[in-house]
Amino acid sequence: MTAPPAPVVDAWQAALAAEHAAIFGYGTLGPHLPPARVDQARVFERAHRGLRDAVIAQMNAVGVHPVAAQADYPVPFALTTGPRADRYAQRLEEACAAAWRFVVASAAEQSQPLTDLRAFAVGALTASAVRAMQWRELLTPTTPTVAFPGVG
């Protein structure tokens, strides 16, 4: 694959930034989660690390300089209870799903669709949507899914 057009690179960089934020966010959750969910959070964090590493390798392969992780990411609310930690994890996954959805759309809009990148982004979107559903199920068991993951 050659370097994609600028709008696609921008979306791709935003998805990488969302992955960096998710890794950081999962790192803050441990002390706030019930012991039964700490292992789940670790598995999800490893998934984001693997995805981040794959994206960085892909970008380097086509000459795109990957956006670096920030030193710190603000947590939107105090993680004082297990449900608040669950909600934060859900939000991290939803942010990643939204970022990957934008990559899917950006890659599809090209005159010569970037099928490899688009397929990769669909997989990343799906994985984040499934993880978000697992967190959402803890908070609202009667409505754990959403019709269009990654959309508003």
N, C-alpha and C. Protein backbone atom coordinates (compact mmCIF):
# COMPACT_ATOMS: atom_id res chain seq x y z
N MET A 1 0.85 -1.18 0.00
CA MET A 1 0.00 0.00 0.00
C MET A 1 0.90 1.24 0.00
N THR A 2 0.55 2.21 -0.80
CA THR A 2 1.24 3.49 -0.78
C THR A 2 0.54 4.40 0.23
N ALA A 3 1.18 5.51 0.54
CA ALA A 3 0.58 6.43 1.50
C ALA A 3 -0.79 6.89 1.00
N PRO A 4 -1.80 6.80 1.84
CA PRO A 4 -3.14 7.24 1.44
C PRO A 4 -3.20 8.75 1.30
N PRO A 5 -4.28 9.27 0.69
CA PRO A 5 -4.47 10.72 0.60
C PRO A 5 -4.60 11.34 2.00
N ALA A 6 -4.35 12.64 2.07
CA ALA A 6 -4.33 13.37 3.35
C ALA A 6 -5.59 13.17 4.20
N PRO A 7 -6.81 13.22 3.64
CA PRO A 7 -7.99 13.03 4.50
C PRO A 7 -8.01 11.65 5.17
N VAL A 8 -7.53 10.66 4.46
CA VAL A 8 -7.49 9.31 5.04
C VAL A 8 -6.40 9.24 6.11
N VAL A 9 -5.26 9.84 5.84
CA VAL A 9 -4.18 9.86 6.84
C VAL A 9 -4.66 10.57 8.10
N ASP A 10 -5.38 11.66 7.94
CA ASP A 10 -5.90 12.39 9.12
C ASP A 10 -6.82 11.49 9.95
N ALA A 11 -7.70 10.75 9.30
CA ALA A 11 -8.60 9.85 10.01
C ALA A 11 -7.82 8.72 10.67
N TRP A 12 -6.84 8.21 9.97
CA TRP A 12 -6.00 7.13 10.48
C TRP A 12 -5.23 7.59 11.72
N GLN A 13 -4.69 8.80 11.64
CA GLN A 13 -3.97 9.37 12.78
C GLN A 13 -4.92 9.56 13.98
N ALA A 14 -6.13 10.00 13.71
CA ALA A 14 -7.11 10.18 14.79
C ALA A 14 -7.44 8.83 15.44
N ALA A 15 -7.53 7.78 14.64
CA ALA A 15 -7.79 6.45 15.19
C ALA A 15 -6.60 5.99 16.05
N LEU A 16 -5.39 6.25 15.59
CA LEU A 16 -4.22 5.92 16.39
C LEU A 16 -4.23 6.71 17.70
N ALA A 17 -4.59 7.97 17.63
CA ALA A 17 -4.67 8.79 18.85
C ALA A 17 -5.71 8.23 19.81
N ALA A 18 -6.83 7.74 19.29
CA ALA A 18 -7.86 7.13 20.14
C ALA A 18 -7.33 5.85 20.79
N GLU A 19 -6.52 5.11 20.06
CA GLU A 19 -5.91 3.90 20.63
C GLU A 19 -4.94 4.27 21.76
N HIS A 20 -4.14 5.30 21.53
CA HIS A 20 -3.23 5.77 22.60
C HIS A 20 -4.05 6.14 23.85
N ALA A 21 -5.14 6.87 23.66
CA ALA A 21 -5.96 7.30 24.78
C ALA A 21 -6.59 6.10 25.49
N ALA A 22 -7.01 5.10 24.73
CA ALA A 22 -7.61 3.90 25.34
C ALA A 22 -6.59 3.16 26.19
N ILE A 23 -5.38 3.04 25.70
CA ILE A 23 -4.33 2.36 26.47
C ILE A 23 -4.09 3.11 27.77
N PHE A 24 -3.98 4.41 27.70
CA PHE A 24 -3.80 5.22 28.91
C PHE A 24 -5.00 5.03 29.84
N GLY A 25 -6.20 5.13 29.27
CA GLY A 25 -7.42 5.03 30.08
C GLY A 25 -7.53 3.70 30.80
N TYR A 26 -7.23 2.62 30.10
CA TYR A 26 -7.29 1.32 30.76
C TYR A 26 -6.27 1.23 31.88
N GLY A 27 -5.15 1.92 31.72
CA GLY A 27 -4.15 1.94 32.79
C GLY A 27 -4.62 2.62 34.05
N THR A 28 -5.59 3.50 33.94
CA THR A 28 -6.12 4.20 35.12
C THR A 28 -7.24 3.44 35.80
N LEU A 29 -7.80 2.43 35.14
CA LEU A 29 -8.99 1.76 35.65
C LEU A 29 -8.74 0.75 36.76
N GLY A 30 -7.61 0.08 36.73
CA GLY A 30 -7.36 -1.05 37.62
C GLY A 30 -7.81 -0.90 39.06
N PRO A 31 -7.37 0.16 39.75
CA PRO A 31 -7.75 0.28 41.16
C PRO A 31 -9.24 0.56 41.39
N HIS A 32 -9.95 0.92 40.34
CA HIS A 32 -11.35 1.32 40.49
C HIS A 32 -12.34 0.23 40.07
N LEU A 33 -11.82 -0.84 39.50
CA LEU A 33 -12.70 -1.92 39.05
C LEU A 33 -12.82 -3.00 40.11
N PRO A 34 -13.97 -3.64 40.17
CA PRO A 34 -14.07 -4.82 41.03
C PRO A 34 -13.08 -5.88 40.55
N PRO A 35 -12.53 -6.67 41.44
CA PRO A 35 -11.51 -7.66 41.05
C PRO A 35 -11.93 -8.56 39.89
N ALA A 36 -13.20 -8.87 39.80
CA ALA A 36 -13.67 -9.75 38.73
C ALA A 36 -13.50 -9.13 37.35
N ARG A 37 -13.41 -7.81 37.25
CA ARG A 37 -13.31 -7.17 35.95
C ARG A 37 -11.90 -6.66 35.62
N VAL A 38 -10.98 -6.78 36.53
CA VAL A 38 -9.61 -6.33 36.27
C VAL A 38 -9.00 -7.14 35.14
N ASP A 39 -9.20 -8.45 35.15
CA ASP A 39 -8.64 -9.28 34.07
C ASP A 39 -9.23 -8.91 32.72
N GLN A 40 -10.52 -8.63 32.68
CA GLN A 40 -11.17 -8.21 31.44
C GLN A 40 -10.51 -6.92 30.93
N ALA A 41 -10.30 -5.97 31.81
CA ALA A 41 -9.67 -4.71 31.42
C ALA A 41 -8.26 -4.94 30.89
N ARG A 42 -7.53 -5.84 31.51
CA ARG A 42 -6.16 -6.14 31.05
C ARG A 42 -6.17 -6.74 29.65
N VAL A 43 -7.11 -7.64 29.40
CA VAL A 43 -7.23 -8.24 28.07
C VAL A 43 -7.55 -7.16 27.04
N PHE A 44 -8.48 -6.28 27.38
CA PHE A 44 -8.86 -5.22 26.45
C PHE A 44 -7.70 -4.25 26.21
N GLU A 45 -6.96 -3.94 27.26
CA GLU A 45 -5.79 -3.05 27.09
C GLU A 45 -4.77 -3.70 26.16
N ARG A 46 -4.53 -4.98 26.33
CA ARG A 46 -3.58 -5.68 25.44
C ARG A 46 -4.07 -5.64 24.00
N ALA A 47 -5.37 -5.76 23.80
CA ALA A 47 -5.91 -5.68 22.44
C ALA A 47 -5.62 -4.31 21.82
N HIS A 48 -5.78 -3.26 22.61
CA HIS A 48 -5.50 -1.92 22.10
C HIS A 48 -4.00 -1.74 21.84
N ARG A 49 -3.15 -2.30 22.70
CA ARG A 49 -1.71 -2.22 22.47
C ARG A 49 -1.32 -2.93 21.17
N GLY A 50 -1.90 -4.10 20.94
CA GLY A 50 -1.62 -4.82 19.70
C GLY A 50 -2.07 -4.05 18.48
N LEU A 51 -3.24 -3.45 18.58
CA LEU A 51 -3.77 -2.66 17.48
C LEU A 51 -2.90 -1.43 17.23
N ARG A 52 -2.53 -0.75 18.31
CA ARG A 52 -1.64 0.41 18.18
C ARG A 52 -0.34 0.03 17.49
N ASP A 53 0.25 -1.07 17.92
CA ASP A 53 1.52 -1.50 17.32
C ASP A 53 1.37 -1.83 15.85
N ALA A 54 0.25 -2.47 15.49
CA ALA A 54 0.00 -2.80 14.08
C ALA A 54 -0.18 -1.53 13.24
N VAL A 55 -0.90 -0.56 13.78
CA VAL A 55 -1.12 0.70 13.06
C VAL A 55 0.21 1.43 12.86
N ILE A 56 1.01 1.49 13.89
CA ILE A 56 2.31 2.17 13.77
C ILE A 56 3.16 1.48 12.71
N ALA A 57 3.17 0.16 12.70
CA ALA A 57 3.93 -0.58 11.69
C ALA A 57 3.40 -0.29 10.28
N GLN A 58 2.08 -0.26 10.13
CA GLN A 58 1.48 0.04 8.82
C GLN A 58 1.86 1.45 8.36
N MET A 59 1.76 2.41 9.28
CA MET A 59 2.09 3.78 8.92
C MET A 59 3.56 3.91 8.53
N ASN A 60 4.43 3.31 9.30
CA ASN A 60 5.85 3.37 8.98
C ASN A 60 6.14 2.74 7.62
N ALA A 61 5.42 1.67 7.30
CA ALA A 61 5.63 0.97 6.03
C ALA A 61 5.29 1.83 4.82
N VAL A 62 4.38 2.79 4.98
CA VAL A 62 3.99 3.64 3.85
C VAL A 62 4.53 5.06 3.98
N GLY A 63 5.41 5.28 4.94
CA GLY A 63 6.03 6.59 5.08
C GLY A 63 5.21 7.64 5.80
N VAL A 64 4.24 7.21 6.59
CA VAL A 64 3.43 8.13 7.38
C VAL A 64 4.00 8.15 8.79
N HIS A 65 4.30 9.35 9.30
CA HIS A 65 4.84 9.48 10.65
C HIS A 65 3.69 9.36 11.65
N PRO A 66 3.68 8.30 12.49
CA PRO A 66 2.57 8.10 13.42
C PRO A 66 2.51 9.18 14.51
N VAL A 67 1.32 9.59 14.85
CA VAL A 67 1.13 10.54 15.94
C VAL A 67 1.59 9.87 17.23
N ALA A 68 2.27 10.63 18.07
CA ALA A 68 2.76 10.10 19.34
C ALA A 68 1.67 10.15 20.41
N ALA A 69 1.82 9.30 21.38
CA ALA A 69 0.91 9.34 22.53
C ALA A 69 1.19 10.60 23.34
N GLN A 70 0.16 11.13 23.96
CA GLN A 70 0.33 12.27 24.85
C GLN A 70 0.88 11.79 26.18
N ALA A 71 1.45 12.69 26.93
CA ALA A 71 1.98 12.33 28.25
C ALA A 71 0.86 12.03 29.24
N ASP A 72 -0.29 12.65 29.03
CA ASP A 72 -1.41 12.49 29.96
C ASP A 72 -2.71 12.69 29.19
N TYR A 73 -3.75 12.02 29.65
CA TYR A 73 -5.08 12.17 29.08
C TYR A 73 -6.04 12.45 30.22
N PRO A 74 -6.85 13.48 30.11
CA PRO A 74 -7.78 13.79 31.20
C PRO A 74 -8.87 12.73 31.31
N VAL A 75 -9.20 12.38 32.52
CA VAL A 75 -10.32 11.48 32.79
C VAL A 75 -11.54 12.39 32.96
N PRO A 76 -12.63 12.13 32.25
CA PRO A 76 -13.76 13.07 32.23
C PRO A 76 -14.54 13.18 33.54
N PHE A 77 -14.36 12.24 34.45
CA PHE A 77 -15.05 12.29 35.73
C PHE A 77 -14.28 11.42 36.71
N ALA A 78 -14.54 11.62 37.97
CA ALA A 78 -13.84 10.86 39.01
C ALA A 78 -14.24 9.39 38.95
N LEU A 79 -13.25 8.53 39.02
CA LEU A 79 -13.50 7.09 38.97
C LEU A 79 -13.62 6.57 40.39
N THR A 80 -14.70 6.94 41.05
CA THR A 80 -14.86 6.65 42.47
C THR A 80 -15.57 5.33 42.74
N THR A 81 -16.22 4.76 41.74
CA THR A 81 -16.97 3.52 41.93
C THR A 81 -16.74 2.59 40.74
N GLY A 82 -17.07 1.33 40.92
CA GLY A 82 -16.99 0.37 39.83
C GLY A 82 -17.83 0.77 38.63
N PRO A 83 -19.09 1.17 38.83
CA PRO A 83 -19.90 1.59 37.67
C PRO A 83 -19.32 2.80 36.93
N ARG A 84 -18.71 3.72 37.65
CA ARG A 84 -18.10 4.88 36.96
C ARG A 84 -16.89 4.42 36.14
N ALA A 85 -16.14 3.48 36.67
CA ALA A 85 -15.01 2.92 35.92
C ALA A 85 -15.52 2.16 34.69
N ASP A 86 -16.60 1.41 34.85
CA ASP A 86 -17.20 0.72 33.71
C ASP A 86 -17.64 1.71 32.64
N ARG A 87 -18.26 2.81 33.07
CA ARG A 87 -18.72 3.84 32.14
C ARG A 87 -17.53 4.46 31.38
N TYR A 88 -16.44 4.70 32.08
CA TYR A 88 -15.25 5.26 31.43
C TYR A 88 -14.69 4.27 30.40
N ALA A 89 -14.62 3.00 30.75
CA ALA A 89 -14.15 1.99 29.80
C ALA A 89 -15.06 1.93 28.57
N GLN A 90 -16.36 2.01 28.80
CA GLN A 90 -17.30 2.04 27.68
C GLN A 90 -17.03 3.24 26.79
N ARG A 91 -16.80 4.40 27.39
CA ARG A 91 -16.54 5.61 26.61
C ARG A 91 -15.24 5.49 25.81
N LEU A 92 -14.22 4.87 26.39
CA LEU A 92 -12.96 4.66 25.66
C LEU A 92 -13.21 3.82 24.41
N GLU A 93 -13.98 2.76 24.58
CA GLU A 93 -14.26 1.87 23.44
C GLU A 93 -15.13 2.57 22.40
N GLU A 94 -16.10 3.34 22.85
CA GLU A 94 -16.95 4.07 21.90
C GLU A 94 -16.13 5.10 21.12
N ALA A 95 -15.17 5.75 21.78
CA ALA A 95 -14.32 6.72 21.09
C ALA A 95 -13.47 6.02 20.03
N CYS A 96 -12.96 4.86 20.36
CA CYS A 96 -12.18 4.11 19.37
C CYS A 96 -13.07 3.67 18.21
N ALA A 97 -14.25 3.17 18.51
CA ALA A 97 -15.17 2.76 17.44
C ALA A 97 -15.50 3.93 16.52
N ALA A 98 -15.74 5.09 17.10
CA ALA A 98 -16.05 6.27 16.27
C ALA A 98 -14.87 6.66 15.40
N ALA A 99 -13.67 6.60 15.96
CA ALA A 99 -12.48 6.95 15.17
C ALA A 99 -12.27 5.97 14.02
N TRP A 100 -12.44 4.69 14.31
CA TRP A 100 -12.27 3.69 13.24
C TRP A 100 -13.38 3.77 12.20
N ARG A 101 -14.58 4.14 12.63
CA ARG A 101 -15.66 4.32 11.66
C ARG A 101 -15.32 5.42 10.67
N PHE A 102 -14.67 6.46 11.15
CA PHE A 102 -14.27 7.56 10.28
C PHE A 102 -13.20 7.09 9.29
N VAL A 103 -12.31 6.21 9.71
CA VAL A 103 -11.32 5.65 8.78
C VAL A 103 -12.03 4.84 7.70
N VAL A 104 -13.00 4.02 8.11
CA VAL A 104 -13.76 3.23 7.14
C VAL A 104 -14.39 4.15 6.10
N ALA A 105 -15.06 5.19 6.56
CA ALA A 105 -15.74 6.11 5.64
C ALA A 105 -14.74 6.86 4.76
N SER A 106 -13.65 7.32 5.35
CA SER A 106 -12.65 8.07 4.59
C SER A 106 -11.99 7.21 3.52
N ALA A 107 -11.68 5.97 3.86
CA ALA A 107 -11.04 5.07 2.89
C ALA A 107 -12.00 4.69 1.78
N ALA A 108 -13.28 4.58 2.09
CA ALA A 108 -14.28 4.20 1.09
C ALA A 108 -14.57 5.33 0.12
N GLU A 109 -14.35 6.57 0.54
CA GLU A 109 -14.68 7.73 -0.30
C GLU A 109 -13.66 7.98 -1.40
N GLN A 110 -12.55 7.29 -1.39
CA GLN A 110 -11.51 7.51 -2.38
C GLN A 110 -11.91 6.93 -3.73
N SER A 111 -11.41 7.54 -4.81
CA SER A 111 -11.75 7.06 -6.14
C SER A 111 -11.25 5.63 -6.34
N GLN A 112 -10.14 5.30 -5.72
CA GLN A 112 -9.66 3.92 -5.72
C GLN A 112 -9.67 3.48 -4.26
N PRO A 113 -10.74 2.82 -3.84
CA PRO A 113 -10.88 2.51 -2.42
C PRO A 113 -9.66 1.80 -1.84
N LEU A 114 -9.33 2.15 -0.64
CA LEU A 114 -8.20 1.57 0.06
C LEU A 114 -8.71 0.34 0.81
N THR A 115 -8.89 -0.75 0.07
CA THR A 115 -9.57 -1.91 0.63
C THR A 115 -8.83 -2.53 1.82
N ASP A 116 -7.50 -2.58 1.79
CA ASP A 116 -6.77 -3.17 2.91
C ASP A 116 -6.95 -2.34 4.18
N LEU A 117 -6.79 -1.04 4.05
CA LEU A 117 -6.95 -0.17 5.21
C LEU A 117 -8.41 -0.19 5.68
N ARG A 118 -9.31 -0.18 4.75
CA ARG A 118 -10.74 -0.20 5.10
C ARG A 118 -11.08 -1.50 5.84
N ALA A 119 -10.60 -2.63 5.36
CA ALA A 119 -10.87 -3.90 6.02
C ALA A 119 -10.26 -3.92 7.42
N PHE A 120 -9.06 -3.40 7.56
CA PHE A 120 -8.43 -3.33 8.87
C PHE A 120 -9.27 -2.46 9.81
N ALA A 121 -9.73 -1.32 9.31
CA ALA A 121 -10.53 -0.39 10.11
C ALA A 121 -11.87 -1.01 10.51
N VAL A 122 -12.48 -1.78 9.61
CA VAL A 122 -13.74 -2.46 9.94
C VAL A 122 -13.50 -3.44 11.08
N GLY A 123 -12.40 -4.17 11.04
CA GLY A 123 -12.07 -5.09 12.12
C GLY A 123 -11.86 -4.38 13.44
N ALA A 124 -11.15 -3.25 13.40
CA ALA A 124 -10.90 -2.47 14.62
C ALA A 124 -12.20 -1.87 15.16
N LEU A 125 -13.04 -1.35 14.27
CA LEU A 125 -14.36 -0.82 14.67
C LEU A 125 -15.19 -1.91 15.33
N THR A 126 -15.23 -3.07 14.72
CA THR A 126 -16.02 -4.19 15.26
C THR A 126 -15.52 -4.60 16.64
N ALA A 127 -14.20 -4.72 16.79
CA ALA A 127 -13.63 -5.13 18.07
C ALA A 127 -13.97 -4.12 19.16
N SER A 128 -13.85 -2.83 18.86
CA SER A 128 -14.19 -1.82 19.87
C SER A 128 -15.68 -1.83 20.17
N ALA A 129 -16.51 -2.03 19.16
CA ALA A 129 -17.96 -2.08 19.39
C ALA A 129 -18.33 -3.26 20.29
N VAL A 130 -17.68 -4.39 20.11
CA VAL A 130 -17.96 -5.56 20.95
C VAL A 130 -17.50 -5.29 22.38
N ARG A 131 -16.32 -4.71 22.53
CA ARG A 131 -15.85 -4.40 23.89
C ARG A 131 -16.75 -3.36 24.56
N ALA A 132 -17.19 -2.35 23.81
CA ALA A 132 -18.11 -1.35 24.37
C ALA A 132 -19.40 -2.02 24.82
N MET A 133 -19.88 -2.96 24.02
CA MET A 133 -21.10 -3.68 24.38
C MET A 133 -20.91 -4.45 25.68
N GLN A 134 -19.75 -5.04 25.87
CA GLN A 134 -19.50 -5.80 27.09
C GLN A 134 -19.51 -4.88 28.32
N TRP A 135 -18.95 -3.68 28.19
CA TRP A 135 -19.01 -2.72 29.31
C TRP A 135 -20.43 -2.21 29.49
N ARG A 136 -21.11 -1.90 28.38
CA ARG A 136 -22.47 -1.37 28.45
C ARG A 136 -23.41 -2.37 29.10
N GLU A 137 -23.19 -3.64 28.83
CA GLU A 137 -24.03 -4.68 29.39
C GLU A 137 -23.99 -4.69 30.93
N LEU A 138 -22.84 -4.31 31.48
CA LEU A 138 -22.73 -4.24 32.95
C LEU A 138 -23.56 -3.09 33.51
N LEU A 139 -23.70 -2.04 32.73
CA LEU A 139 -24.38 -0.83 33.18
C LEU A 139 -25.88 -0.84 32.85
N THR A 140 -26.21 -1.31 31.67
CA THR A 140 -27.61 -1.34 31.23
C THR A 140 -27.88 -2.70 30.58
N PRO A 141 -28.06 -3.73 31.39
CA PRO A 141 -28.19 -5.09 30.86
C PRO A 141 -29.34 -5.28 29.86
N THR A 142 -30.35 -4.44 29.94
CA THR A 142 -31.48 -4.63 29.02
C THR A 142 -31.22 -4.03 27.63
N THR A 143 -30.25 -3.14 27.52
CA THR A 143 -29.94 -2.53 26.20
C THR A 143 -28.43 -2.43 26.00
N PRO A 144 -27.74 -3.56 25.88
CA PRO A 144 -26.28 -3.49 25.76
C PRO A 144 -25.76 -3.12 24.38
N THR A 145 -26.60 -3.20 23.38
CA THR A 145 -26.11 -2.92 22.02
C THR A 145 -26.67 -1.61 21.50
N VAL A 146 -26.01 -1.09 20.48
CA VAL A 146 -26.49 0.10 19.77
C VAL A 146 -26.60 -0.25 18.29
N ALA A 147 -27.49 0.41 17.60
CA ALA A 147 -27.74 0.09 16.21
C ALA A 147 -26.54 0.34 15.31
N PHE A 148 -25.87 1.46 15.50
CA PHE A 148 -24.74 1.81 14.64
C PHE A 148 -23.53 2.15 15.48
N PRO A 149 -22.73 1.15 15.85
CA PRO A 149 -21.53 1.44 16.66
C PRO A 149 -20.62 2.44 15.96
N GLY A 150 -20.09 3.33 16.75
CA GLY A 150 -19.19 4.34 16.22
C GLY A 150 -19.90 5.57 15.69
N VAL A 151 -21.22 5.60 15.78
CA VAL A 151 -21.98 6.76 15.33
C VAL A 151 -22.65 7.38 16.54
N GLY A 152 -22.30 8.66 16.79
CA GLY A 152 -22.87 9.48 17.84
C GLY A 152 -23.34 8.80 19.02
